[in-house]
Amino acid sequence: MDLTGARWRKSSKSGNNGGDCVEVADNLAGVIGVRDSKDPAGPALAFDPAAWTRFVAMAKRR
């Protein structure tokens, strides 16, 4: 999945912990990007929107 043009934002669940944050890009059609804010040029995960919705729902239950 292509993340070209992604607009990254810090996760609302990331705190002020010295830069250890998760960033999410949800502005692209058909893909949700997730990356480590400490390594913005590094690898990123790409989820289809349905998989991302299931992941977030499961994480909220934990």
PDB file of N, CA and C in Angstrom:
ATOM      1  N   MET A   1       0.843  -1.179   0.000  1.00  0.00           N
ATOM      2  CA  MET A   1       0.000   0.000   0.000  1.00  0.00           C
ATOM      3  C   MET A   1       0.886   1.239   0.000  1.00  0.00           C
ATOM      4  N   ASP A   2       0.477   2.203  -0.754  1.00  0.00           N
ATOM      5  CA  ASP A   2       1.269   3.419  -0.943  1.00  0.00           C
ATOM      6  C   ASP A   2       0.874   4.487   0.071  1.00  0.00           C
ATOM      7  N   LEU A   3       1.862   5.032   0.772  1.00  0.00           N
ATOM      8  CA  LEU A   3       1.615   6.075   1.767  1.00  0.00           C
ATOM      9  C   LEU A   3       2.092   7.451   1.294  1.00  0.00           C
ATOM     10  N   THR A   4       2.343   7.587  -0.005  1.00  0.00           N
ATOM     11  CA  THR A   4       2.738   8.875  -0.565  1.00  0.00           C
ATOM     12  C   THR A   4       1.625   9.889  -0.332  1.00  0.00           C
ATOM     13  N   GLY A   5       1.980  11.035   0.192  1.00  0.00           N
ATOM     14  CA  GLY A   5       1.007  12.092   0.463  1.00  0.00           C
ATOM     15  C   GLY A   5       0.361  11.991   1.838  1.00  0.00           C
ATOM     16  N   ALA A   6       0.826  11.052   2.641  1.00  0.00           N
ATOM     17  CA  ALA A   6       0.253  10.886   3.982  1.00  0.00           C
ATOM     18  C   ALA A   6       0.512  12.124   4.826  1.00  0.00           C
ATOM     19  N   ARG A   7      -0.494  12.547   5.576  1.00  0.00           N
ATOM     20  CA  ARG A   7      -0.360  13.622   6.557  1.00  0.00           C
ATOM     21  C   ARG A   7      -0.395  12.958   7.928  1.00  0.00           C
ATOM     22  N   TRP A   8       0.746  12.966   8.584  1.00  0.00           N
ATOM     23  CA  TRP A   8       0.915  12.251   9.844  1.00  0.00           C
ATOM     24  C   TRP A   8       0.500  13.124  11.022  1.00  0.00           C
ATOM     25  N   ARG A   9      -0.164  12.503  11.992  1.00  0.00           N
ATOM     26  CA  ARG A   9      -0.522  13.186  13.229  1.00  0.00           C
ATOM     27  C   ARG A   9      -0.204  12.263  14.394  1.00  0.00           C
ATOM     28  N   LYS A  10       0.086  12.866  15.515  1.00  0.00           N
ATOM     29  CA  LYS A  10       0.392  12.099  16.716  1.00  0.00           C
ATOM     30  C   LYS A  10      -0.887  11.439  17.238  1.00  0.00           C
ATOM     31  N   SER A  11      -0.783  10.211  17.636  1.00  0.00           N
ATOM     32  CA  SER A  11      -1.922   9.519  18.209  1.00  0.00           C
ATOM     33  C   SER A  11      -2.416  10.245  19.449  1.00  0.00           C
ATOM     34  N   SER A  12      -3.718  10.284  19.626  1.00  0.00           N
ATOM     35  CA  SER A  12      -4.288  10.928  20.814  1.00  0.00           C
ATOM     36  C   SER A  12      -3.924  10.181  22.086  1.00  0.00           C
ATOM     37  N   LYS A  13      -3.472   8.936  21.972  1.00  0.00           N
ATOM     38  CA  LYS A  13      -3.085   8.125  23.130  1.00  0.00           C
ATOM     39  C   LYS A  13      -1.599   8.240  23.455  1.00  0.00           C
ATOM     40  N   SER A  14      -0.834   8.940  22.631  1.00  0.00           N
ATOM     41  CA  SER A  14       0.580   9.149  22.905  1.00  0.00           C
ATOM     42  C   SER A  14       0.729  10.299  23.885  1.00  0.00           C
ATOM     43  N   GLY A  15       1.526  10.111  24.890  1.00  0.00           N
ATOM     44  CA  GLY A  15       1.700  11.145  25.902  1.00  0.00           C
ATOM     45  C   GLY A  15       2.930  11.991  25.647  1.00  0.00           C
ATOM     46  N   ASN A  16       3.282  12.786  26.600  1.00  0.00           N
ATOM     47  CA  ASN A  16       4.486  13.608  26.568  1.00  0.00           C
ATOM     48  C   ASN A  16       5.616  12.811  27.202  1.00  0.00           C
ATOM     49  N   ASN A  17       6.121  11.833  26.494  1.00  0.00           N
ATOM     50  CA  ASN A  17       7.111  10.924  27.069  1.00  0.00           C
ATOM     51  C   ASN A  17       8.431  10.964  26.311  1.00  0.00           C
ATOM     52  N   GLY A  18       8.842  12.124  25.902  1.00  0.00           N
ATOM     53  CA  GLY A  18      10.148  12.268  25.283  1.00  0.00           C
ATOM     54  C   GLY A  18      10.228  11.841  23.839  1.00  0.00           C
ATOM     55  N   GLY A  19       9.117  11.812  23.144  1.00  0.00           N
ATOM     56  CA  GLY A  19       9.158  11.502  21.719  1.00  0.00           C
ATOM     57  C   GLY A  19       8.812  10.084  21.360  1.00  0.00           C
ATOM     58  N   ASP A  20       8.488   9.246  22.324  1.00  0.00           N
ATOM     59  CA  ASP A  20       8.090   7.866  22.030  1.00  0.00           C
ATOM     60  C   ASP A  20       6.616   7.852  21.666  1.00  0.00           C
ATOM     61  N   CYS A  21       6.317   8.208  20.421  1.00  0.00           N
ATOM     62  CA  CYS A  21       4.936   8.386  20.003  1.00  0.00           C
ATOM     63  C   CYS A  21       4.626   7.564  18.761  1.00  0.00           C
ATOM     64  N   VAL A  22       3.366   7.271  18.634  1.00  0.00           N
ATOM     65  CA  VAL A  22       2.845   6.646  17.427  1.00  0.00           C
ATOM     66  C   VAL A  22       2.186   7.738  16.613  1.00  0.00           C
ATOM     67  N   GLU A  23       2.431   7.722  15.300  1.00  0.00           N
ATOM     68  CA  GLU A  23       1.777   8.670  14.402  1.00  0.00           C
ATOM     69  C   GLU A  23       0.873   7.890  13.454  1.00  0.00           C
ATOM     70  N   VAL A  24      -0.253   8.508  13.117  1.00  0.00           N
ATOM     71  CA  VAL A  24      -1.241   7.887  12.250  1.00  0.00           C
ATOM     72  C   VAL A  24      -1.524   8.819  11.086  1.00  0.00           C
ATOM     73  N   ALA A  25      -1.669   8.254   9.906  1.00  0.00           N
ATOM     74  CA  ALA A  25      -2.090   9.010   8.722  1.00  0.00           C
ATOM     75  C   ALA A  25      -3.394   8.387   8.228  1.00  0.00           C
ATOM     76  N   ASP A  26      -4.463   9.178   8.287  1.00  0.00           N
ATOM     77  CA  ASP A  26      -5.765   8.657   7.870  1.00  0.00           C
ATOM     78  C   ASP A  26      -6.396   9.501   6.765  1.00  0.00           C
ATOM     79  N   ASN A  27      -5.566  10.228   6.032  1.00  0.00           N
ATOM     80  CA  ASN A  27      -6.064  11.101   4.985  1.00  0.00           C
ATOM     81  C   ASN A  27      -6.054  10.471   3.597  1.00  0.00           C
ATOM     82  N   LEU A  28      -5.581   9.253   3.465  1.00  0.00           N
ATOM     83  CA  LEU A  28      -5.492   8.609   2.163  1.00  0.00           C
ATOM     84  C   LEU A  28      -6.660   7.644   1.958  1.00  0.00           C
ATOM     85  N   ALA A  29      -7.152   7.575   0.752  1.00  0.00           N
ATOM     86  CA  ALA A  29      -8.263   6.677   0.444  1.00  0.00           C
ATOM     87  C   ALA A  29      -7.798   5.219   0.512  1.00  0.00           C
ATOM     88  N   GLY A  30      -8.496   4.426   1.305  1.00  0.00           N
ATOM     89  CA  GLY A  30      -8.259   2.986   1.317  1.00  0.00           C
ATOM     90  C   GLY A  30      -7.081   2.506   2.126  1.00  0.00           C
ATOM     91  N   VAL A  31      -6.419   3.375   2.890  1.00  0.00           N
ATOM     92  CA  VAL A  31      -5.249   2.942   3.663  1.00  0.00           C
ATOM     93  C   VAL A  31      -5.078   3.831   4.902  1.00  0.00           C
ATOM     94  N   ILE A  32      -4.691   3.204   6.006  1.00  0.00           N
ATOM     95  CA  ILE A  32      -4.335   3.910   7.238  1.00  0.00           C
ATOM     96  C   ILE A  32      -2.865   3.606   7.508  1.00  0.00           C
ATOM     97  N   GLY A  33      -2.058   4.643   7.659  1.00  0.00           N
ATOM     98  CA  GLY A  33      -0.635   4.465   7.936  1.00  0.00           C
ATOM     99  C   GLY A  33      -0.342   4.644   9.416  1.00  0.00           C
ATOM    100  N   VAL A  34       0.620   3.870   9.914  1.00  0.00           N
ATOM    101  CA  VAL A  34       1.054   3.967  11.310  1.00  0.00           C
ATOM    102  C   VAL A  34       2.573   3.907  11.320  1.00  0.00           C
ATOM    103  N   ARG A  35       3.214   4.815  12.060  1.00  0.00           N
ATOM    104  CA  ARG A  35       4.681   4.815  12.137  1.00  0.00           C
ATOM    105  C   ARG A  35       5.144   5.285  13.500  1.00  0.00           C
ATOM    106  N   ASP A  36       6.422   5.093  13.758  1.00  0.00           N
ATOM    107  CA  ASP A  36       7.086   5.539  14.988  1.00  0.00           C
ATOM    108  C   ASP A  36       7.577   6.963  14.758  1.00  0.00           C
ATOM    109  N   SER A  37       7.190   7.884  15.621  1.00  0.00           N
ATOM    110  CA  SER A  37       7.573   9.281  15.428  1.00  0.00           C
ATOM    111  C   SER A  37       9.070   9.516  15.539  1.00  0.00           C
ATOM    112  N   LYS A  38       9.790   8.623  16.225  1.00  0.00           N
ATOM    113  CA  LYS A  38      11.249   8.779  16.357  1.00  0.00           C
ATOM    114  C   LYS A  38      11.971   8.459  15.050  1.00  0.00           C
ATOM    115  N   ASP A  39      11.305   7.778  14.125  1.00  0.00           N
ATOM    116  CA  ASP A  39      11.937   7.351  12.877  1.00  0.00           C
ATOM    117  C   ASP A  39      11.003   7.616  11.699  1.00  0.00           C
ATOM    118  N   PRO A  40      10.704   8.897  11.411  1.00  0.00           N
ATOM    119  CA  PRO A  40       9.732   9.209  10.373  1.00  0.00           C
ATOM    120  C   PRO A  40      10.135   8.742   8.970  1.00  0.00           C
ATOM    121  N   ALA A  41      11.417   8.551   8.723  1.00  0.00           N
ATOM    122  CA  ALA A  41      11.856   8.057   7.417  1.00  0.00           C
ATOM    123  C   ALA A  41      11.928   6.534   7.388  1.00  0.00           C
ATOM    124  N   GLY A  42      11.689   5.915   8.522  1.00  0.00           N
ATOM    125  CA  GLY A  42      11.771   4.462   8.629  1.00  0.00           C
ATOM    126  C   GLY A  42      10.505   3.782   8.144  1.00  0.00           C
ATOM    127  N   PRO A  43      10.375   2.522   8.480  1.00  0.00           N
ATOM    128  CA  PRO A  43       9.226   1.755   8.000  1.00  0.00           C
ATOM    129  C   PRO A  43       7.918   2.228   8.628  1.00  0.00           C
ATOM    130  N   ALA A  44       6.847   1.982   7.916  1.00  0.00           N
ATOM    131  CA  ALA A  44       5.500   2.294   8.401  1.00  0.00           C
ATOM    132  C   ALA A  44       4.607   1.098   8.107  1.00  0.00           C
ATOM    133  N   LEU A  45       3.626   0.914   8.943  1.00  0.00           N
ATOM    134  CA  LEU A  45       2.627  -0.122   8.713  1.00  0.00           C
ATOM    135  C   LEU A  45       1.476   0.481   7.928  1.00  0.00           C
ATOM    136  N   ALA A  46       0.853  -0.316   7.073  1.00  0.00           N
ATOM    137  CA  ALA A  46      -0.302   0.135   6.303  1.00  0.00           C
ATOM    138  C   ALA A  46      -1.445  -0.850   6.539  1.00  0.00           C
ATOM    139  N   PHE A  47      -2.575  -0.323   6.955  1.00  0.00           N
ATOM    140  CA  PHE A  47      -3.764  -1.129   7.225  1.00  0.00           C
ATOM    141  C   PHE A  47      -4.879  -0.723   6.276  1.00  0.00           C
ATOM    142  N   ASP A  48      -5.719  -1.687   5.880  1.00  0.00           N
ATOM    143  CA  ASP A  48      -6.934  -1.264   5.191  1.00  0.00           C
ATOM    144  C   ASP A  48      -7.872  -0.739   6.283  1.00  0.00           C
ATOM    145  N   PRO A  49      -8.776   0.160   5.940  1.00  0.00           N
ATOM    146  CA  PRO A  49      -9.605   0.808   6.967  1.00  0.00           C
ATOM    147  C   PRO A  49     -10.389  -0.169   7.856  1.00  0.00           C
ATOM    148  N   ALA A  50     -10.901  -1.250   7.312  1.00  0.00           N
ATOM    149  CA  ALA A  50     -11.663  -2.210   8.119  1.00  0.00           C
ATOM    150  C   ALA A  50     -10.756  -2.884   9.148  1.00  0.00           C
ATOM    151  N   ALA A  51      -9.560  -3.255   8.747  1.00  0.00           N
ATOM    152  CA  ALA A  51      -8.609  -3.876   9.680  1.00  0.00           C
ATOM    153  C   ALA A  51      -8.213  -2.881  10.771  1.00  0.00           C
ATOM    154  N   TRP A  52      -8.001  -1.634  10.417  1.00  0.00           N
ATOM    155  CA  TRP A  52      -7.637  -0.606  11.402  1.00  0.00           C
ATOM    156  C   TRP A  52      -8.773  -0.412  12.409  1.00  0.00           C
ATOM    157  N   THR A  53     -10.002  -0.366  11.927  1.00  0.00           N
ATOM    158  CA  THR A  53     -11.155  -0.207  12.820  1.00  0.00           C
ATOM    159  C   THR A  53     -11.225  -1.367  13.809  1.00  0.00           C
ATOM    160  N   ARG A  54     -11.001  -2.595  13.338  1.00  0.00           N
ATOM    161  CA  ARG A  54     -11.007  -3.758  14.232  1.00  0.00           C
ATOM    162  C   ARG A  54      -9.869  -3.677  15.236  1.00  0.00           C
ATOM    163  N   PHE A  55      -8.682  -3.276  14.797  1.00  0.00           N
ATOM    164  CA  PHE A  55      -7.526  -3.153  15.692  1.00  0.00           C
ATOM    165  C   PHE A  55      -7.800  -2.132  16.799  1.00  0.00           C
ATOM    166  N   VAL A  56      -8.316  -0.965  16.427  1.00  0.00           N
ATOM    167  CA  VAL A  56      -8.588   0.084  17.421  1.00  0.00           C
ATOM    168  C   VAL A  56      -9.658  -0.387  18.408  1.00  0.00           C
ATOM    169  N   ALA A  57     -10.689  -1.037  17.903  1.00  0.00           N
ATOM    170  CA  ALA A  57     -11.749  -1.532  18.792  1.00  0.00           C
ATOM    171  C   ALA A  57     -11.187  -2.543  19.795  1.00  0.00           C
ATOM    172  N   MET A  58     -10.317  -3.431  19.322  1.00  0.00           N
ATOM    173  CA  MET A  58      -9.725  -4.425  20.218  1.00  0.00           C
ATOM    174  C   MET A  58      -8.790  -3.755  21.235  1.00  0.00           C
ATOM    175  N   ALA A  59      -8.018  -2.782  20.786  1.00  0.00           N
ATOM    176  CA  ALA A  59      -7.099  -2.085  21.691  1.00  0.00           C
ATOM    177  C   ALA A  59      -7.858  -1.332  22.786  1.00  0.00           C
ATOM    178  N   LYS A  60      -9.009  -0.778  22.447  1.00  0.00           N
ATOM    179  CA  LYS A  60      -9.812  -0.059  23.439  1.00  0.00           C
ATOM    180  C   LYS A  60     -10.350  -0.997  24.517  1.00  0.00           C
ATOM    181  N   ARG A  61     -10.527  -2.255  24.184  1.00  0.00           N
ATOM    182  CA  ARG A  61     -11.036  -3.212  25.161  1.00  0.00           C
ATOM    183  C   ARG A  61      -9.957  -3.689  26.123  1.00  0.00           C
ATOM    184  N   ARG A  62      -8.700  -3.438  25.823  1.00  0.00           N
ATOM    185  CA  ARG A  62      -7.582  -3.915  26.657  1.00  0.00           C
ATOM    186  C   ARG A  62      -7.299  -3.000  27.798  1.00  0.00           C
TER     187      ARG A  62
END
